[in-house]
Amino acid sequence: KVMGFCTDDQYKLFMATVNDFESLLVRSEIQIIKYYLDISKEEQEKRLKDRKKDPLKQWKISPIDQKAQKMWDAYSEARDEMLKKTNSSDAPWTVICANDKKLAHLNLIADLLSRVNYPDKDKKILKINPKIVLSWPATSKKLPKLAK
């Protein structure tokens, strides 16, 4: 939407149909777990600079990175709209505060494992930090806290 990777009609069609499609999947006994990893503008800028310096990360550099960084506000607005419109009881969003990559990854994994059934599951070791793993729409009250 923000950088024109789809047409307005494609965007509107997706937004109008995604919740019904996800509900169909859930009714077919498919478990949907949606995560949005959220970082601040400052953290994104830091990561982009790190990519330029580190030869092992330079492959990640894209010509659109700097352009996207300049359009941060438009992306934030599109993110908020997407989370609001595509959140449903069948497929709710979980927002991961991801400024700290390691903590974000560990908490996302713990959250995912807590939601999936598997043999010998030990719930005691699945510690989730409620400041990192946020449920939407409860998160929506904290939108200013989401990276802007």
Protein backbone atom coordinates (compact mmCIF):
# COMPACT_ATOMS: atom_id res chain seq x y z
CA LYS A 1 0.00 0.00 0.00
CA VAL A 2 2.57 2.58 1.08
CA MET A 3 5.10 2.09 -1.71
CA GLY A 4 2.68 0.92 -4.38
CA PHE A 5 3.54 -2.78 -4.35
CA CYS A 6 -0.15 -3.43 -4.95
CA THR A 7 -2.94 -1.41 -6.52
CA ASP A 8 -5.62 0.26 -4.43
CA ASP A 9 -8.12 -2.30 -5.75
CA GLN A 10 -5.86 -5.21 -4.75
CA TYR A 11 -5.40 -3.72 -1.30
CA LYS A 12 -9.13 -3.17 -0.81
CA LEU A 13 -9.95 -6.70 -2.00
CA PHE A 14 -7.41 -8.23 0.36
CA MET A 15 -8.62 -6.21 3.34
CA ALA A 16 -12.25 -7.08 2.53
CA THR A 17 -11.62 -10.83 2.26
CA VAL A 18 -8.74 -11.77 4.58
CA ASN A 19 -10.85 -12.21 7.73
CA ASP A 20 -13.36 -14.45 5.94
CA PHE A 21 -10.53 -16.50 4.46
CA GLU A 22 -8.86 -16.92 7.85
CA SER A 23 -12.21 -17.90 9.40
CA LEU A 24 -12.65 -20.53 6.70
CA LEU A 25 -9.22 -21.96 7.55
CA VAL A 26 -10.04 -22.03 11.27
CA ARG A 27 -13.36 -23.79 10.59
CA SER A 28 -11.29 -26.34 8.67
CA GLU A 29 -9.35 -26.94 11.90
CA ILE A 30 -6.24 -25.04 10.84
CA GLN A 31 -4.72 -23.07 13.69
CA ILE A 32 -3.70 -19.55 12.68
CA ILE A 33 -1.20 -17.69 14.82
CA LYS A 34 -0.36 -14.19 13.61
CA TYR A 35 2.58 -12.19 14.91
CA TYR A 36 3.58 -8.63 14.15
CA LEU A 37 7.17 -7.83 15.15
CA ASP A 38 7.31 -4.15 15.97
CA ILE A 39 10.46 -2.03 16.20
CA SER A 40 11.02 1.67 16.71
CA LYS A 41 12.15 4.03 13.97
CA GLU A 42 15.42 4.52 15.84
CA GLU A 43 16.05 0.78 16.10
CA GLN A 44 15.30 0.31 12.40
CA GLU A 45 17.74 3.10 11.56
CA LYS A 46 20.40 1.48 13.77
CA ARG A 47 19.88 -1.91 12.10
CA LEU A 48 20.17 -0.37 8.64
CA LYS A 49 23.46 1.31 9.61
CA ASP A 50 24.74 -1.97 11.07
CA ARG A 51 23.97 -3.73 7.80
CA LYS A 52 26.12 -1.27 5.88
CA LYS A 53 29.08 -1.80 8.24
CA ASP A 54 28.91 -5.59 8.59
CA PRO A 55 29.95 -7.56 5.48
CA LEU A 56 27.94 -10.54 6.75
CA LYS A 57 24.77 -8.44 6.80
CA GLN A 58 25.25 -6.45 3.59
CA TRP A 59 23.27 -8.98 1.58
CA LYS A 60 20.20 -7.75 3.48
CA ILE A 61 20.52 -4.20 2.12
CA SER A 62 17.76 -3.23 -0.26
CA PRO A 63 17.49 -0.07 -2.37
CA ILE A 64 14.10 0.59 -0.79
CA ASP A 65 15.38 0.55 2.82
CA GLN A 66 16.21 4.26 3.01
CA LYS A 67 13.05 5.23 1.13
CA ALA A 68 10.95 3.16 3.52
CA GLN A 69 12.68 4.73 6.52
CA LYS A 70 11.69 8.17 5.22
CA MET A 71 8.08 6.97 4.95
CA TRP A 72 7.97 5.70 8.54
CA ASP A 73 4.82 7.63 9.45
CA ALA A 74 2.91 6.31 6.44
CA TYR A 75 4.04 2.76 7.26
CA SER A 76 2.98 3.22 10.90
CA GLU A 77 -0.45 4.39 9.81
CA ALA A 78 -0.80 1.45 7.39
CA ARG A 79 0.33 -0.94 10.15
CA ASP A 80 -2.28 0.39 12.56
CA GLU A 81 -5.01 0.10 9.93
CA MET A 82 -3.93 -3.43 8.99
CA LEU A 83 -3.84 -4.62 12.60
CA LYS A 84 -7.24 -3.09 13.30
CA LYS A 85 -8.97 -4.42 10.18
CA THR A 86 -7.42 -7.89 10.07
CA ASN A 87 -7.73 -8.74 13.76
CA SER A 88 -10.53 -11.21 14.48
CA SER A 89 -11.55 -13.66 17.16
CA ASP A 90 -10.64 -16.50 14.77
CA ALA A 91 -7.20 -15.10 13.98
CA PRO A 92 -6.13 -12.43 16.47
CA TRP A 93 -2.85 -10.55 16.21
CA THR A 94 -0.07 -10.81 18.75
CA VAL A 95 2.38 -7.91 18.71
CA ILE A 96 5.99 -8.60 19.64
CA CYS A 97 8.03 -5.62 20.81
CA ALA A 98 11.19 -6.46 18.88
CA ASN A 99 13.73 -3.72 19.58
CA ASP A 100 15.75 -6.37 21.40
CA LYS A 101 16.01 -9.15 18.80
CA LYS A 102 17.07 -11.91 21.15
CA LEU A 103 14.34 -11.23 23.72
CA ALA A 104 11.77 -10.85 20.95
CA HIS A 105 12.74 -14.18 19.38
CA LEU A 106 12.81 -16.06 22.69
CA ASN A 107 9.43 -14.65 23.73
CA LEU A 108 7.84 -15.31 20.35
CA ILE A 109 9.06 -18.92 20.45
CA ALA A 110 7.78 -19.37 24.01
CA ASP A 111 4.42 -17.87 23.06
CA LEU A 112 4.14 -20.07 19.98
CA LEU A 113 5.04 -23.20 21.92
CA SER A 114 2.49 -22.30 24.59
CA ARG A 115 -0.26 -22.25 21.93
CA VAL A 116 0.60 -25.49 20.16
CA ASN A 117 -0.14 -28.93 21.58
CA TYR A 118 2.72 -31.40 21.59
CA PRO A 119 3.80 -34.39 23.71
CA ASP A 120 5.55 -33.77 27.04
CA LYS A 121 4.88 -30.05 26.96
CA ASP A 122 6.29 -28.35 30.05
CA LYS A 123 4.35 -25.12 30.55
CA LYS A 124 6.62 -24.09 33.42
CA ILE A 125 9.52 -23.38 31.09
CA LEU A 126 7.45 -21.31 28.66
CA LYS A 127 7.96 -17.94 30.31
CA ILE A 128 6.50 -15.05 28.35
CA ASN A 129 7.29 -11.42 29.14
CA PRO A 130 3.99 -9.46 28.97
CA LYS A 131 5.95 -6.30 28.13
CA ILE A 132 7.26 -7.97 24.97
CA VAL A 133 4.30 -10.14 23.92
CA LEU A 134 1.17 -8.03 23.60
CA SER A 135 -2.31 -9.15 22.61
CA TRP A 136 -4.19 -7.10 20.06
CA PRO A 137 -6.64 -5.33 20.54
CA ALA A 138 -5.47 -4.73 24.10
CA THR A 139 -2.33 -3.39 22.44
CA SER A 140 -4.38 -0.82 20.54
CA LYS A 141 -4.77 1.12 23.75
CA LYS A 142 -1.00 1.29 23.78
CA LEU A 143 -0.57 2.35 20.15
CA PRO A 144 1.73 5.22 21.03
CA LYS A 145 3.94 2.58 22.64
CA LEU A 146 4.09 0.65 19.38
CA ALA A 147 7.05 1.88 17.40
CA LYS A 148 6.31 5.19 15.75
